Every structure is written in C-alpha cells, then in structure tokens.
Amino acid sequence: MNIGGFAPAAIPALGFQKSPRTSAEIHLLGRSAVMVGISMRL
C-alpha cells in the first residue's frame, strides 16, 4: 500500500525507562534489521 509516496506501517518496539530522564527503545524491523533509540531529557 503506497499512495503518493506514503506507506503506513506499524513497527513493534520494546522500551525500558532507567530513570525519569533516560529511556531506551529497541525497534524490530522485520527479520533483518533492528533499530536502537536512546532518549535523554536535558
């Protein structure tokens, strides 16, 4: 499903909050890729 260059998708993710200011996420992108995100509030 691709309409005008826009293709919606649902990406499953697992998240962990270490403190109120720091968290991390792991996004599972199919069988061949994983994306890791880390966020910190300043």
N, C-alpha and C. Protein backbone atom coordinates (compact mmCIF):
# COMPACT_ATOMS: atom_id res chain seq x y z
N MET A 1 0.84 -1.17 0.00
CA MET A 1 0.00 0.00 0.00
C MET A 1 0.88 1.23 0.00
N ASN A 2 0.97 1.90 -1.12
CA ASN A 2 1.79 3.08 -1.27
C ASN A 2 0.99 4.11 -2.05
N ILE A 3 0.56 5.16 -1.39
CA ILE A 3 -0.27 6.18 -2.03
C ILE A 3 0.51 7.49 -2.02
N GLY A 4 0.96 7.91 -3.19
CA GLY A 4 1.69 9.18 -3.30
C GLY A 4 2.98 9.21 -2.51
N GLY A 5 3.67 8.09 -2.35
CA GLY A 5 4.93 8.05 -1.62
C GLY A 5 4.77 7.86 -0.12
N PHE A 6 3.55 7.69 0.34
CA PHE A 6 3.29 7.49 1.77
C PHE A 6 2.83 6.05 1.99
N ALA A 7 3.56 5.30 2.82
CA ALA A 7 3.22 3.91 3.11
C ALA A 7 3.18 3.72 4.63
N PRO A 8 2.00 3.64 5.22
CA PRO A 8 1.92 3.48 6.67
C PRO A 8 2.40 2.09 7.11
N ALA A 9 2.97 2.04 8.31
CA ALA A 9 3.45 0.77 8.85
C ALA A 9 3.40 0.80 10.37
N ALA A 10 3.26 -0.35 10.99
CA ALA A 10 3.35 -0.49 12.44
C ALA A 10 4.67 -1.19 12.75
N ILE A 11 5.48 -0.57 13.60
CA ILE A 11 6.79 -1.11 13.94
C ILE A 11 6.78 -1.50 15.42
N PRO A 12 6.89 -2.79 15.75
CA PRO A 12 6.91 -3.19 17.15
C PRO A 12 8.19 -2.73 17.85
N ALA A 13 8.06 -2.36 19.12
CA ALA A 13 9.21 -1.87 19.87
C ALA A 13 9.13 -2.32 21.32
N LEU A 14 10.29 -2.48 21.93
CA LEU A 14 10.41 -2.77 23.35
C LEU A 14 11.14 -1.58 23.98
N GLY A 15 10.62 -1.09 25.10
CA GLY A 15 11.23 0.07 25.73
C GLY A 15 11.56 -0.17 27.19
N PHE A 16 12.53 0.59 27.68
CA PHE A 16 12.98 0.49 29.07
C PHE A 16 13.25 1.90 29.57
N GLN A 17 12.67 2.27 30.71
CA GLN A 17 12.92 3.57 31.31
C GLN A 17 13.79 3.39 32.53
N LYS A 18 15.04 3.86 32.44
CA LYS A 18 16.00 3.69 33.53
C LYS A 18 15.74 4.70 34.64
N SER A 19 15.41 5.92 34.27
CA SER A 19 15.11 6.97 35.22
C SER A 19 14.07 7.88 34.57
N PRO A 20 13.52 8.86 35.29
CA PRO A 20 12.56 9.77 34.65
C PRO A 20 13.17 10.58 33.50
N ARG A 21 14.49 10.64 33.39
CA ARG A 21 15.14 11.42 32.34
C ARG A 21 15.75 10.58 31.23
N THR A 22 15.93 9.27 31.42
CA THR A 22 16.63 8.43 30.46
C THR A 22 15.79 7.20 30.10
N SER A 23 15.69 6.93 28.79
CA SER A 23 14.98 5.73 28.35
C SER A 23 15.62 5.20 27.07
N ALA A 24 15.35 3.94 26.78
CA ALA A 24 15.89 3.30 25.58
C ALA A 24 14.80 2.46 24.93
N GLU A 25 14.89 2.31 23.61
CA GLU A 25 13.93 1.51 22.86
C GLU A 25 14.67 0.66 21.84
N ILE A 26 14.11 -0.52 21.58
CA ILE A 26 14.60 -1.39 20.51
C ILE A 26 13.43 -1.63 19.57
N HIS A 27 13.60 -1.24 18.31
CA HIS A 27 12.57 -1.41 17.29
C HIS A 27 12.94 -2.59 16.41
N LEU A 28 12.02 -3.51 16.23
CA LEU A 28 12.25 -4.69 15.41
C LEU A 28 11.74 -4.42 14.00
N LEU A 29 12.66 -4.36 13.05
CA LEU A 29 12.33 -4.03 11.66
C LEU A 29 12.39 -5.29 10.80
N GLY A 30 11.42 -6.14 10.94
CA GLY A 30 11.40 -7.38 10.17
C GLY A 30 12.40 -8.38 10.71
N ARG A 31 12.85 -9.26 9.82
CA ARG A 31 13.79 -10.31 10.23
C ARG A 31 15.26 -9.93 10.05
N SER A 32 15.51 -8.79 9.38
CA SER A 32 16.89 -8.49 9.03
C SER A 32 17.45 -7.22 9.66
N ALA A 33 16.66 -6.49 10.46
CA ALA A 33 17.19 -5.23 10.99
C ALA A 33 16.60 -4.93 12.37
N VAL A 34 17.39 -4.22 13.16
CA VAL A 34 16.99 -3.75 14.48
C VAL A 34 17.45 -2.30 14.59
N MET A 35 16.61 -1.46 15.17
CA MET A 35 16.97 -0.05 15.37
C MET A 35 16.93 0.23 16.87
N VAL A 36 17.97 0.87 17.39
CA VAL A 36 18.05 1.18 18.82
C VAL A 36 17.95 2.69 18.97
N GLY A 37 17.10 3.13 19.90
CA GLY A 37 16.95 4.55 20.19
C GLY A 37 17.16 4.82 21.67
N ILE A 38 17.88 5.87 21.97
CA ILE A 38 18.12 6.29 23.34
C ILE A 38 17.68 7.74 23.46
N SER A 39 16.92 8.06 24.50
CA SER A 39 16.49 9.44 24.69
C SER A 39 16.83 9.90 26.10
N MET A 40 17.26 11.17 26.18
CA MET A 40 17.61 11.78 27.45
C MET A 40 17.02 13.19 27.48
N ARG A 41 16.37 13.52 28.57
CA ARG A 41 15.86 14.89 28.73
C ARG A 41 16.98 15.77 29.26
N LEU A 42 17.04 16.97 28.73
CA LEU A 42 18.07 17.92 29.16
C LEU A 42 17.59 18.81 30.28
